[in-house]
Amino acid sequence: MTGSGPVCTRSIARRRPQRAAGVLLSALALLAGSACSVAGADPIGEGPDTLRVVLPEEPPTLEPCDASLTATGRVTRANITEALTERDPSTGRLEPALAVKWTRTSATSWTFTLRPGVTFHDGSAFTAAAAAFSIRRATDSAIECNVDGYIFSDSEVTARAVDDSTLEVETAEPDPILPLRLSFVEVVPTSTNPKARVREPVGTGPYRLDEWSQGRFLRLKRYAGYWGEAPDYAAAKYVWRAEGSVRAAMVTNDEADVAIGLAPEDGAGDRAVEFVTNEVSYLRMDATRAPLNDIRIRQAVNYAIDREGLVTAVFAGRPSGQLVSKGVTGHNPRIGPWPYDPDRAKDLVAQARADGVPTGTTVTIIGRNGIYPKAAEAMEVVQDGLLKAGLKVEIKMLDVNAWLEYLLRPFPKNTGPTLLQAQHGNQAGDAAFTMGQIYGSEGAQSSYGTPALDAAIEKAQLASGTERQKAFAQAFARQNDEVVRDAVMANMTGILALSPDVRYRPDSATSDEMRLADMRRAD
C-alpha cells in the first residue's frame, strides 16, 4: 500500500433520521481484503454525485459480524448494514434503528418490536426471523465472529421470532444492557451463509456494495429501497493511501473529499478538522512469558514511557491511564496516567534481574502500520525508553491482517514475550465492552487475567445504575494496581481533512464508524 495509484471517486451518503447531520467523518476506515464485485452492478464514475474517501488502509473484511473491528465497521456499520438499536454518541442515549421499541419482560428476557416496511438490498423483507438468524449467526456459530467475544463475551443468547414484527431474546444470565449489546449485531437476511464469513454483505442500510477491487478501491452505491431518508450522495468510493501527507494532499488538491487518520504535520491546512475520539492507545503485555510475567517489569514498562512526549511530538491526544474515556460507564476519575520516571523503571528492572528474572530475553513490540498517525515512530519512542530501562526490545511492524493474528485468540505460538501496539474505542459507552474481552482471563483480546479481576468484572456486568458505575470503576482500579496487564498511553485526538464542498461534523464515534448519510453537500 503506497501513496501512488488512482485517486478516489465520490460517493453518495444517506442520512439517518435519528442522527444529526454531521456525525462521523472517520469513515475513512481501514481496508485490506479480498476482491469482490457485485454481479450486475453498473460502475459509478467520479462525478459530483460520488463522495470520495481516502483511508489509511484497506479493510481486512466486510463480514457483518466482524463490524466491531474498527477497520471493517468504519465502512459497513450504518452504511451497508444496520442493527436493531444504535447509541447516539453525543447524548449516550440508545435510539431505535431496525427496532422501534423494546421491553424487558423478565430478568433474562426482552421483547423487541421491529420497524415495518424495511427491505434488504436483495429485495427480501426484514422480519423477526432475519433478526433472530443474525443474532444466532453472530453469537452461536463456528464463524468465531469478533462481535461474539467482544460484545457478548461468549454468553448464551437465544433469539426467537414471535411473528414477523416481534422478536424475543433471552439470556442465560440477567443482562441489563442487552439492547445496547444488540447495537453491534448487524442484521443480515436468512440467505446469508450461516457457517462462513461473507465478502459481499447484504444489509438494510442506505448503501449497498457495488464493487471491491482488491488493493485498488471499494465502492458503495445508494440503495433505492432504503426505509429512511435518502442520503445526499448517490455513491461513495474508498481508496487507501498509507502516508498521511498523501491523504491530506488528496483533499487539498481536490482529489478526495474526506481523509482520516491524519497527524498535525500532514499538511491539511485549513481543511483539517480536529475531534475528540473514544480511542485509547495502549500496549498489551504478554504477562504469561518472562520477563513480562514479573509485575515489576510490567510496572517498569509503564514508568519508562514518556506519555507527554508522545502526545507532544508524535501523535495528537492526551495522556491516559485507563482504556475508557470520560463519559463511559465505569470510567474511574481517580486513575491518572502513569508518571514518566525512567530512574524508577531502571531500578525495577535491576531488582527483577537480581532475583533471577531473565531481563535479557528479547521482548518484541508487535506494531501495526496505520493504526494511528506515526505508528512506527511512536513504537520507536517506546523502544528507546525500554532500552534505557535495561530491557532488550525489538520492533516488528505488521499490516492489519498479520497484526490481527496477535490481537485475537488463539494467539500465535512460540513468539516469545510481546508488547502489542493496540487501540481501543468504547463506542457503546459501557465498560462491559472493554473489561471482559480485554482483561478477562478468557477474553477474546486478553493475554492475561486473574481470578480476582474476573470476579470483579462479573460483578460489575450484573449491576445496573450507580452500582454498575462503581463496580466497573473498582475493577479498573484493581487492574491498574494489582494486575498491570498493559501500558495505557493516550486518549487520542482525531484529525481529518474535509473538502469545502462537504458538510460534516465528526464526533467521538467517528473513529469506529463513518456514516456516509451524515455527509452532505455544502451548497
Protein backbone atom coordinates (compact mmCIF):
# COMPACT_ATOMS: atom_id res chain seq x y z
CA MET A 1 0.00 0.00 0.00
CA THR A 2 1.70 3.13 -1.19
CA GLY A 3 0.66 6.64 -1.98
CA SER A 4 0.70 6.00 -5.71
CA GLY A 5 -2.18 4.85 -7.87
CA PRO A 6 -5.56 6.16 -8.94
CA VAL A 7 -7.29 8.75 -6.81
CA CYS A 8 -10.61 8.32 -5.06
CA THR A 9 -14.02 8.91 -6.51
CA ARG A 10 -17.07 10.43 -4.92
CA SER A 11 -19.94 8.72 -3.15
CA ILE A 12 -23.50 9.06 -2.11
CA ALA A 13 -24.32 9.33 1.53
CA ARG A 14 -27.59 8.69 3.23
CA ARG A 15 -28.90 10.45 6.29
CA ARG A 16 -30.35 8.61 9.28
CA PRO A 17 -33.41 10.17 10.89
CA GLN A 18 -32.06 9.53 14.38
CA ARG A 19 -28.71 11.21 13.83
CA ALA A 20 -27.87 14.83 13.21
CA ALA A 21 -26.22 15.92 10.04
CA GLY A 22 -22.62 15.94 10.95
CA VAL A 23 -21.77 12.72 12.60
CA LEU A 24 -18.77 10.74 11.70
CA LEU A 25 -16.25 11.58 9.18
CA SER A 26 -13.97 8.91 10.32
CA ALA A 27 -15.47 6.68 7.77
CA LEU A 28 -12.07 6.55 6.43
CA ALA A 29 -11.78 3.12 7.73
CA LEU A 30 -9.01 0.68 7.39
CA LEU A 31 -9.33 -1.53 4.36
CA ALA A 32 -7.46 -4.58 3.35
CA GLY A 33 -9.29 -7.54 1.97
CA SER A 34 -10.16 -9.70 -0.90
CA ALA A 35 -11.59 -8.57 -4.16
CA CYS A 36 -15.29 -8.92 -4.78
CA SER A 37 -17.65 -7.39 -7.27
CA VAL A 38 -21.42 -7.50 -7.10
CA ALA A 39 -22.87 -9.08 -10.20
CA GLY A 40 -24.71 -6.73 -12.49
CA ALA A 41 -23.55 -3.55 -10.77
CA ASP A 42 -23.09 -0.62 -13.12
CA PRO A 43 -19.86 1.29 -12.47
CA ILE A 44 -20.04 4.79 -11.00
CA GLY A 45 -17.53 7.41 -12.06
CA GLU A 46 -16.04 10.31 -10.18
CA GLY A 47 -18.82 12.75 -10.83
CA PRO A 48 -20.29 15.19 -8.30
CA ASP A 49 -22.69 12.51 -7.03
CA THR A 50 -19.83 10.39 -5.67
CA LEU A 51 -18.27 11.06 -2.28
CA ARG A 52 -14.53 10.37 -2.38
CA VAL A 53 -12.98 8.98 0.80
CA VAL A 54 -9.32 8.11 1.37
CA LEU A 55 -8.38 5.75 4.20
CA PRO A 56 -5.07 4.77 5.81
CA GLU A 57 -5.52 1.13 4.80
CA GLU A 58 -7.84 -1.34 3.15
CA PRO A 59 -10.35 -3.21 5.37
CA PRO A 60 -9.46 -6.85 6.04
CA THR A 61 -13.08 -7.97 5.57
CA LEU A 62 -16.62 -6.66 5.15
CA GLU A 63 -18.13 -9.54 7.12
CA PRO A 64 -21.04 -8.01 9.10
CA CYS A 65 -20.37 -9.98 12.28
CA ASP A 66 -16.84 -8.52 12.35
CA ALA A 67 -18.10 -4.93 12.16
CA SER A 68 -16.92 -4.37 15.73
CA LEU A 69 -13.43 -4.31 14.22
CA THR A 70 -12.71 -0.66 13.50
CA ALA A 71 -11.27 -1.30 10.05
CA THR A 72 -14.44 -3.10 8.98
CA GLY A 73 -17.03 -1.12 10.94
CA ARG A 74 -15.95 2.24 9.54
CA VAL A 75 -17.18 1.08 6.14
CA THR A 76 -20.06 -1.26 6.95
CA ARG A 77 -21.85 -0.01 10.09
CA ALA A 78 -24.92 2.11 9.35
CA ASN A 79 -23.85 2.27 5.70
CA ILE A 80 -24.26 -1.27 4.35
CA THR A 81 -25.73 -2.96 7.41
CA GLU A 82 -27.76 -1.81 10.40
CA ALA A 83 -28.59 -3.08 13.88
CA LEU A 84 -31.75 -3.20 15.97
CA THR A 85 -30.60 -0.28 18.11
CA GLU A 86 -27.97 2.46 17.96
CA ARG A 87 -26.28 4.71 20.51
CA ASP A 88 -26.16 8.45 19.92
CA PRO A 89 -22.56 9.39 20.81
CA SER A 90 -23.48 12.99 21.61
CA THR A 91 -26.06 12.09 24.27
CA GLY A 92 -25.24 8.48 25.19
CA ARG A 93 -28.88 7.53 24.67
CA LEU A 94 -29.88 4.30 22.97
CA GLU A 95 -32.07 5.06 19.96
CA PRO A 96 -34.33 2.97 17.70
CA ALA A 97 -32.90 1.64 14.44
CA LEU A 98 -34.38 -1.56 12.98
CA ALA A 99 -36.29 -1.98 16.24
CA VAL A 100 -38.72 0.79 17.20
CA LYS A 101 -39.14 -0.21 20.86
CA TRP A 102 -38.04 -2.83 23.39
CA THR A 103 -39.23 -4.01 26.80
CA ARG A 104 -37.61 -6.11 29.48
CA THR A 105 -40.19 -8.77 30.27
CA SER A 106 -38.16 -10.63 32.90
CA ALA A 107 -34.67 -10.66 34.39
CA THR A 108 -33.41 -12.65 31.40
CA SER A 109 -35.78 -11.82 28.53
CA TRP A 110 -36.55 -8.87 26.25
CA THR A 111 -39.20 -8.24 23.59
CA PHE A 112 -38.42 -6.06 20.54
CA THR A 113 -40.95 -4.54 18.16
CA LEU A 114 -39.41 -4.21 14.71
CA ARG A 115 -39.65 -1.44 12.14
CA PRO A 116 -42.14 -2.23 9.38
CA GLY A 117 -41.55 -1.80 5.64
CA VAL A 118 -37.79 -2.46 5.69
CA THR A 119 -36.15 -4.50 2.92
CA PHE A 120 -32.69 -5.91 2.38
CA HIS A 121 -30.55 -4.98 -0.62
CA ASP A 122 -31.58 -8.26 -2.30
CA GLY A 123 -35.24 -7.22 -2.10
CA SER A 124 -36.23 -9.63 0.68
CA ALA A 125 -38.22 -8.35 3.65
CA PHE A 126 -36.66 -7.61 7.01
CA THR A 127 -38.51 -9.71 9.60
CA ALA A 128 -38.05 -11.03 13.11
CA ALA A 129 -36.83 -14.28 11.55
CA ALA A 130 -33.94 -12.39 9.93
CA ALA A 131 -33.14 -10.62 13.21
CA ALA A 132 -33.13 -13.91 15.12
CA PHE A 133 -30.96 -15.52 12.44
CA SER A 134 -28.47 -12.64 12.60
CA ILE A 135 -28.18 -12.90 16.38
CA ARG A 136 -27.62 -16.67 16.21
CA ARG A 137 -25.09 -16.31 13.39
CA ALA A 138 -23.11 -13.69 15.31
CA THR A 139 -23.18 -15.33 18.75
CA ASP A 140 -23.69 -19.08 18.27
CA SER A 141 -21.82 -20.32 15.22
CA ALA A 142 -18.44 -21.69 14.22
CA ILE A 143 -17.59 -18.45 12.37
CA GLU A 144 -15.92 -17.08 15.51
CA CYS A 145 -17.29 -13.60 14.93
CA ASN A 146 -15.42 -10.76 16.60
CA VAL A 147 -18.71 -9.42 17.93
CA ASP A 148 -19.23 -12.62 19.93
CA GLY A 149 -16.10 -12.32 22.05
CA TYR A 150 -16.02 -8.53 22.06
CA ILE A 151 -19.66 -7.73 22.79
CA PHE A 152 -21.16 -10.88 24.27
CA SER A 153 -18.09 -12.47 25.87
CA ASP A 154 -19.39 -15.86 24.74
CA SER A 155 -22.54 -15.53 26.88
CA GLU A 156 -25.57 -17.59 25.85
CA VAL A 157 -28.18 -15.68 23.86
CA THR A 158 -31.35 -17.15 22.38
CA ALA A 159 -33.46 -15.26 19.83
CA ARG A 160 -36.92 -16.27 18.60
CA ALA A 161 -39.35 -14.73 16.13
CA VAL A 162 -42.82 -14.47 17.70
CA ASP A 163 -44.23 -13.10 14.44
CA ASP A 164 -42.82 -11.04 11.58
CA SER A 165 -42.58 -7.87 13.68
CA THR A 166 -41.91 -9.24 17.18
CA LEU A 167 -38.64 -10.66 18.46
CA GLU A 168 -37.94 -12.30 21.80
CA VAL A 169 -34.38 -12.50 23.10
CA GLU A 170 -33.36 -14.44 26.19
CA THR A 171 -30.03 -14.63 28.01
CA ALA A 172 -28.74 -17.34 30.32
CA GLU A 173 -27.92 -14.73 32.94
CA PRO A 174 -29.55 -11.37 33.67
CA ASP A 175 -28.19 -8.74 31.28
CA PRO A 176 -29.32 -5.16 31.98
CA ILE A 177 -27.66 -3.81 28.80
CA LEU A 178 -28.76 -6.39 26.21
CA PRO A 179 -30.36 -3.77 23.91
CA LEU A 180 -27.04 -1.92 23.92
CA ARG A 181 -25.16 -5.12 23.05
CA LEU A 182 -27.52 -5.71 20.14
CA SER A 183 -26.49 -2.36 18.64
CA PHE A 184 -23.38 -4.26 17.50
CA VAL A 185 -25.20 -7.12 15.79
CA GLU A 186 -25.54 -6.17 12.13
CA VAL A 187 -28.72 -7.65 10.68
CA VAL A 188 -28.46 -9.76 7.52
CA PRO A 189 -31.02 -11.82 5.54
CA THR A 190 -31.54 -15.51 6.27
CA SER A 191 -29.97 -16.32 2.90
CA THR A 192 -26.56 -15.32 4.33
CA ASN A 193 -24.17 -18.25 4.78
CA PRO A 194 -24.55 -19.26 8.47
CA LYS A 195 -21.29 -21.23 8.56
CA ALA A 196 -18.73 -19.00 6.84
CA ARG A 197 -17.75 -15.36 6.52
CA VAL A 198 -19.11 -13.48 3.53
CA ARG A 199 -17.26 -11.00 1.32
CA GLU A 200 -20.32 -9.40 -0.26
CA PRO A 201 -22.52 -8.33 2.67
CA VAL A 202 -26.22 -7.71 2.15
CA GLY A 203 -27.90 -5.38 4.61
CA THR A 204 -30.70 -2.85 5.05
CA GLY A 205 -28.52 0.27 5.06
CA PRO A 206 -28.64 3.34 2.82
CA TYR A 207 -25.81 1.94 0.65
CA ARG A 208 -25.13 -1.41 -0.93
CA LEU A 209 -21.81 -2.86 -2.01
CA ASP A 210 -21.15 -2.03 -5.67
CA GLU A 211 -17.57 -3.18 -6.29
CA TRP A 212 -14.49 -4.12 -4.29
CA SER A 213 -11.33 -4.24 -6.37
CA GLN A 214 -8.62 -5.68 -4.16
CA GLY A 215 -5.79 -3.31 -3.49
CA ARG A 216 -7.40 -0.50 -5.52
CA PHE A 217 -10.78 0.76 -4.35
CA LEU A 218 -14.11 -0.08 -2.74
CA ARG A 219 -17.33 1.48 -4.00
CA LEU A 220 -20.79 1.69 -2.45
CA LYS A 221 -23.98 2.67 -4.25
CA ARG A 222 -27.11 4.25 -2.82
CA TYR A 223 -29.91 1.74 -2.15
CA ALA A 224 -33.12 3.00 -3.73
CA GLY A 225 -35.32 0.94 -1.41
CA TYR A 226 -33.91 2.30 1.83
CA TRP A 227 -36.52 2.75 4.57
CA GLY A 228 -35.11 6.07 5.84
CA GLU A 229 -34.25 9.41 4.34
CA ALA A 230 -32.09 9.14 1.24
CA PRO A 231 -28.53 10.40 1.63
CA ASP A 232 -27.22 13.32 -0.40
CA TYR A 233 -24.65 11.34 -2.37
CA ALA A 234 -25.54 8.60 -4.85
CA ALA A 235 -22.30 6.71 -4.33
CA ALA A 236 -19.15 6.55 -2.23
CA LYS A 237 -15.73 5.43 -3.33
CA TYR A 238 -12.99 4.48 -0.86
CA VAL A 239 -9.31 4.30 -1.69
CA TRP A 240 -6.39 3.91 0.70
CA ARG A 241 -3.00 5.54 0.99
CA ALA A 242 -0.54 4.68 3.77
CA GLU A 243 1.08 8.12 4.07
CA GLY A 244 -0.90 10.75 5.99
CA SER A 245 0.65 13.58 4.00
CA VAL A 246 -0.57 11.94 0.78
CA ARG A 247 -4.10 11.58 2.17
CA ALA A 248 -4.14 15.23 3.25
CA ALA A 249 -2.81 16.40 -0.11
CA MET A 250 -5.56 14.49 -1.92
CA VAL A 251 -8.14 16.65 -0.15
CA THR A 252 -6.28 19.93 -0.55
CA ASN A 253 -5.78 19.12 -4.26
CA ASP A 254 -9.47 18.20 -4.73
CA GLU A 255 -8.67 14.56 -5.44
CA ALA A 256 -10.68 13.41 -2.42
CA ASP A 257 -13.45 14.80 -0.22
CA VAL A 258 -12.56 13.18 3.10
CA ALA A 259 -9.30 11.86 4.54
CA ILE A 260 -8.94 10.39 8.01
CA GLY A 261 -6.18 9.33 10.38
CA LEU A 262 -4.08 12.45 9.93
CA ALA A 263 -1.30 13.93 12.05
CA PRO A 264 -0.84 17.69 12.68
CA GLU A 265 2.20 17.81 10.40
CA ASP A 266 0.47 16.10 7.45
CA GLY A 267 -0.34 19.46 5.92
CA ALA A 268 -4.13 19.53 5.74
CA GLY A 269 -4.07 23.27 6.49
CA ASP A 270 -7.48 24.90 6.69
CA ARG A 271 -9.03 21.61 5.57
CA ALA A 272 -8.10 19.98 8.91
CA VAL A 273 -10.84 19.21 11.44
CA GLU A 274 -9.92 18.02 14.95
CA PHE A 275 -12.28 15.97 17.09
CA VAL A 276 -12.22 14.10 20.38
CA THR A 277 -12.34 10.33 19.92
CA ASN A 278 -13.12 7.45 22.25
CA GLU A 279 -9.94 5.70 21.06
CA VAL A 280 -7.29 4.93 23.67
CA SER A 281 -3.84 3.77 22.58
CA TYR A 282 -2.10 1.15 24.70
CA LEU A 283 0.42 -1.68 24.75
CA ARG A 284 -0.91 -5.11 25.69
CA MET A 285 1.69 -7.05 27.62
CA ASP A 286 2.01 -10.81 27.37
CA ALA A 287 2.17 -11.32 31.10
CA THR A 288 2.45 -15.10 30.76
CA ARG A 289 6.03 -15.03 29.41
CA ALA A 290 9.23 -13.94 31.12
CA PRO A 291 10.31 -11.29 31.77
CA LEU A 292 6.81 -9.75 31.42
CA ASN A 293 5.38 -12.32 33.84
CA ASP A 294 7.00 -10.34 36.66
CA ILE A 295 4.83 -7.41 37.75
CA ARG A 296 7.93 -5.27 38.40
CA ILE A 297 8.83 -5.48 34.71
CA ARG A 298 5.29 -4.51 33.73
CA GLN A 299 5.47 -1.57 36.11
CA ALA A 300 8.85 -0.63 34.65
CA VAL A 301 7.38 -0.59 31.15
CA ASN A 302 4.81 1.94 32.35
CA TYR A 303 7.35 4.16 34.10
CA ALA A 304 9.64 4.08 31.04
CA ILE A 305 7.09 5.58 28.62
CA ASP A 306 7.15 9.35 28.17
CA ARG A 307 3.45 9.92 27.50
CA GLU A 308 3.69 13.71 27.48
CA GLY A 309 6.46 13.46 24.94
CA LEU A 310 4.41 11.12 22.76
CA VAL A 311 1.37 13.41 22.59
CA THR A 312 3.55 16.47 22.09
CA ALA A 313 5.86 15.21 19.38
CA VAL A 314 4.36 12.06 17.86
CA PHE A 315 0.57 11.84 17.86
CA ALA A 316 -2.37 14.00 18.90
CA GLY A 317 -4.05 13.19 22.20
CA ARG A 318 -3.79 13.50 25.96
CA PRO A 319 -2.04 11.09 28.36
CA SER A 320 -4.36 8.50 29.88
CA GLY A 321 -4.23 5.74 32.48
CA GLN A 322 -7.26 3.61 31.59
CA LEU A 323 -8.84 2.10 28.50
CA VAL A 324 -12.12 4.01 28.64
CA SER A 325 -12.53 7.75 28.31
CA LYS A 326 -14.61 10.15 30.37
CA GLY A 327 -18.33 9.63 29.80
CA VAL A 328 -18.15 5.83 29.59
CA THR A 329 -19.90 3.97 32.39
CA GLY A 330 -17.13 2.62 34.61
CA HIS A 331 -14.54 5.32 33.93
CA ASN A 332 -12.54 5.86 37.12
CA PRO A 333 -11.58 9.55 37.57
CA ARG A 334 -9.03 8.59 40.24
CA ILE A 335 -6.84 6.69 37.79
CA GLY A 336 -4.36 9.02 36.16
CA PRO A 337 -1.60 8.35 33.63
CA TRP A 338 1.49 6.57 34.93
CA PRO A 339 4.21 9.17 35.62
CA TYR A 340 7.32 9.20 33.46
CA ASP A 341 10.07 8.03 35.81
CA PRO A 342 13.00 6.45 33.93
CA ASP A 343 15.04 6.05 37.11
CA ARG A 344 12.24 4.10 38.79
CA ALA A 345 11.90 1.93 35.66
CA LYS A 346 15.63 1.17 35.70
CA ASP A 347 15.53 0.29 39.42
CA LEU A 348 12.61 -2.12 38.97
CA VAL A 349 14.36 -3.92 36.11
CA ALA A 350 17.53 -4.19 38.20
CA GLN A 351 15.58 -5.62 41.17
CA ALA A 352 13.92 -8.22 38.95
CA ARG A 353 17.27 -9.15 37.36
CA ALA A 354 18.83 -9.62 40.81
CA ASP A 355 16.05 -12.05 41.67
CA GLY A 356 16.73 -14.16 38.59
CA VAL A 357 14.17 -12.75 36.16
CA PRO A 358 15.60 -13.15 32.62
CA THR A 359 15.54 -9.46 31.75
CA GLY A 360 17.91 -10.10 28.83
CA THR A 361 15.19 -12.01 26.93
CA THR A 362 14.15 -10.06 23.85
CA VAL A 363 10.69 -8.51 24.09
CA THR A 364 9.10 -7.93 20.67
CA ILE A 365 6.83 -4.95 20.09
CA ILE A 366 4.19 -6.09 17.59
CA GLY A 367 3.18 -2.86 15.86
CA ARG A 368 0.55 -2.16 13.25
CA ASN A 369 1.12 0.10 10.28
CA GLY A 370 -1.52 2.82 10.08
CA ILE A 371 -3.20 2.09 13.42
CA TYR A 372 -2.80 5.83 14.06
CA PRO A 373 -0.58 8.53 12.56
CA LYS A 374 3.17 7.93 13.02
CA ALA A 375 2.53 4.49 14.50
CA ALA A 376 6.09 3.28 13.86
CA GLU A 377 7.61 6.45 15.30
CA ALA A 378 5.55 6.00 18.48
CA MET A 379 6.90 2.49 18.96
CA GLU A 380 10.45 3.75 18.43
CA VAL A 381 9.93 6.22 21.29
CA VAL A 382 8.63 3.37 23.48
CA GLN A 383 11.53 1.13 22.47
CA ASP A 384 14.06 3.82 23.38
CA GLY A 385 12.56 4.19 26.86
CA LEU A 386 12.56 0.43 27.48
CA LEU A 387 16.13 0.04 26.29
CA LYS A 388 17.25 2.76 28.68
CA ALA A 389 15.44 0.92 31.48
CA GLY A 390 17.61 -2.14 30.84
CA LEU A 391 15.31 -4.31 28.72
CA LYS A 392 16.10 -5.84 25.33
CA VAL A 393 13.44 -4.80 22.83
CA GLU A 394 12.90 -5.12 19.08
CA ILE A 395 10.06 -3.83 16.88
CA LYS A 396 8.10 -5.76 14.26
CA MET A 397 5.65 -3.59 12.29
CA LEU A 398 2.88 -5.53 10.52
CA ASP A 399 -0.01 -4.74 8.21
CA VAL A 400 -3.51 -5.23 9.57
CA ASN A 401 -4.12 -8.86 8.52
CA ALA A 402 -0.89 -10.15 10.08
CA TRP A 403 -1.41 -7.97 13.16
CA LEU A 404 -4.90 -9.40 13.73
CA GLU A 405 -3.30 -12.79 14.36
CA TYR A 406 -1.82 -11.30 17.53
CA LEU A 407 -4.92 -9.35 18.57
CA LEU A 408 -7.42 -12.20 18.82
CA ARG A 409 -7.29 -15.63 20.40
CA PRO A 410 -5.82 -18.11 19.68
CA PHE A 411 -2.55 -16.16 19.62
CA PRO A 412 0.49 -17.31 17.60
CA LYS A 413 2.67 -19.77 19.46
CA ASN A 414 6.41 -19.70 20.09
CA THR A 415 6.64 -15.93 19.62
CA GLY A 416 8.33 -15.12 22.91
CA PRO A 417 7.26 -12.18 25.13
CA THR A 418 5.41 -9.47 23.21
CA LEU A 419 4.01 -5.99 23.60
CA LEU A 420 1.11 -5.48 21.19
CA GLN A 421 0.54 -1.97 19.86
CA ALA A 422 -3.23 -1.61 20.09
CA GLN A 423 -6.04 0.91 20.28
CA HIS A 424 -9.43 0.52 21.91
CA GLY A 425 -12.53 2.57 21.28
CA ASN A 426 -15.53 2.05 23.54
CA GLN A 427 -18.21 3.48 21.31
CA ALA A 428 -21.00 1.73 23.20
CA GLY A 429 -20.34 3.79 26.33
CA ASP A 430 -20.23 0.97 28.87
CA ALA A 431 -17.16 -0.71 30.36
CA ALA A 432 -18.72 -4.12 29.77
CA PHE A 433 -17.44 -3.78 26.20
CA THR A 434 -13.91 -3.30 27.49
CA MET A 435 -13.32 -5.28 30.65
CA GLY A 436 -14.40 -8.80 29.72
CA GLN A 437 -12.85 -9.04 26.27
CA ILE A 438 -9.62 -7.21 27.08
CA TYR A 439 -8.96 -8.02 30.75
CA GLY A 440 -10.93 -11.19 31.44
CA SER A 441 -8.85 -14.37 31.67
CA GLU A 442 -10.67 -15.82 28.64
CA GLY A 443 -11.37 -12.56 26.82
CA ALA A 444 -11.08 -12.58 23.03
CA GLN A 445 -8.31 -9.98 23.14
CA SER A 446 -6.88 -10.80 26.57
CA SER A 447 -3.39 -12.18 27.05
CA TYR A 448 -3.68 -12.44 30.83
CA GLY A 449 -6.17 -12.18 33.69
CA THR A 450 -6.62 -13.13 37.32
CA PRO A 451 -9.46 -14.83 39.22
CA ALA A 452 -9.94 -11.77 41.41
CA LEU A 453 -10.23 -9.45 38.41
CA ASP A 454 -12.57 -11.91 36.65
CA ALA A 455 -14.84 -11.86 39.70
CA ALA A 456 -14.82 -8.05 39.81
CA ILE A 457 -15.74 -7.89 36.12
CA GLU A 458 -18.58 -10.40 36.54
CA LYS A 459 -19.99 -8.46 39.49
CA ALA A 460 -19.98 -5.23 37.50
CA GLN A 461 -21.62 -6.79 34.46
CA LEU A 462 -24.65 -7.88 36.51
CA ALA A 463 -25.09 -4.50 38.20
CA SER A 464 -27.10 -1.54 36.96
CA GLY A 465 -27.32 2.19 37.61
CA THR A 466 -24.90 3.76 40.08
CA GLU A 467 -23.81 0.34 41.34
CA ARG A 468 -22.69 -0.55 37.83
CA GLN A 469 -20.56 2.59 37.59
CA LYS A 470 -18.99 1.93 40.99
CA ALA A 471 -18.30 -1.75 40.32
CA PHE A 472 -16.59 -1.15 36.98
CA ALA A 473 -14.54 1.73 38.42
CA GLN A 474 -13.33 -0.64 41.14
CA ALA A 475 -12.44 -3.27 38.52
CA PHE A 476 -10.33 -0.73 36.62
CA ALA A 477 -8.58 0.20 39.87
CA ARG A 478 -7.80 -3.46 40.56
CA GLN A 479 -6.32 -3.88 37.09
CA ASN A 480 -4.23 -0.75 37.50
CA ASP A 481 -2.94 -1.54 40.98
CA GLU A 482 -2.69 -5.34 41.15
CA VAL A 483 -2.57 -6.72 37.60
CA VAL A 484 -0.85 -4.09 35.40
CA ARG A 485 -1.57 -6.09 32.25
CA ASP A 486 -0.94 -3.19 29.89
CA ALA A 487 0.57 0.23 29.42
CA VAL A 488 -2.14 2.74 28.53
CA MET A 489 -0.66 5.69 26.68
CA ALA A 490 -3.18 8.28 25.47
CA ASN A 491 -6.78 9.17 24.74
CA MET A 492 -6.42 10.03 21.06
CA THR A 493 -7.48 13.17 19.23
CA GLY A 494 -8.59 12.58 15.66
CA ILE A 495 -7.76 14.78 12.69
CA LEU A 496 -9.46 14.54 9.33
CA ALA A 497 -9.36 16.62 6.21
CA LEU A 498 -12.64 17.76 4.69
CA SER A 499 -13.44 19.27 1.32
CA PRO A 500 -15.16 22.68 1.41
CA ASP A 501 -17.86 21.08 -0.74
CA VAL A 502 -18.89 18.69 2.05
CA ARG A 503 -20.62 19.48 5.35
CA TYR A 504 -19.76 17.03 8.11
CA ARG A 505 -19.10 17.22 11.85
CA PRO A 506 -17.14 14.30 13.35
CA ASP A 507 -17.87 13.08 16.87
CA SER A 508 -16.47 10.56 19.33
CA ALA A 509 -17.82 7.64 17.28
CA THR A 510 -16.12 8.75 14.06
CA SER A 511 -13.08 6.55 14.61
CA ASP A 512 -15.27 3.41 14.81
CA GLU A 513 -17.82 4.00 12.10
CA MET A 514 -18.41 6.60 9.42
CA ARG A 515 -21.97 7.33 8.45
CA LEU A 516 -21.96 8.48 4.87
CA ALA A 517 -25.52 9.70 5.32
CA ASP A 518 -24.22 12.35 7.72
CA MET A 519 -22.08 13.86 4.97
CA ARG A 520 -23.94 16.50 2.99
CA ARG A 521 -23.32 18.88 0.19
CA ALA A 522 -22.19 22.30 1.26
CA ASP A 523 -24.39 24.06 -1.30
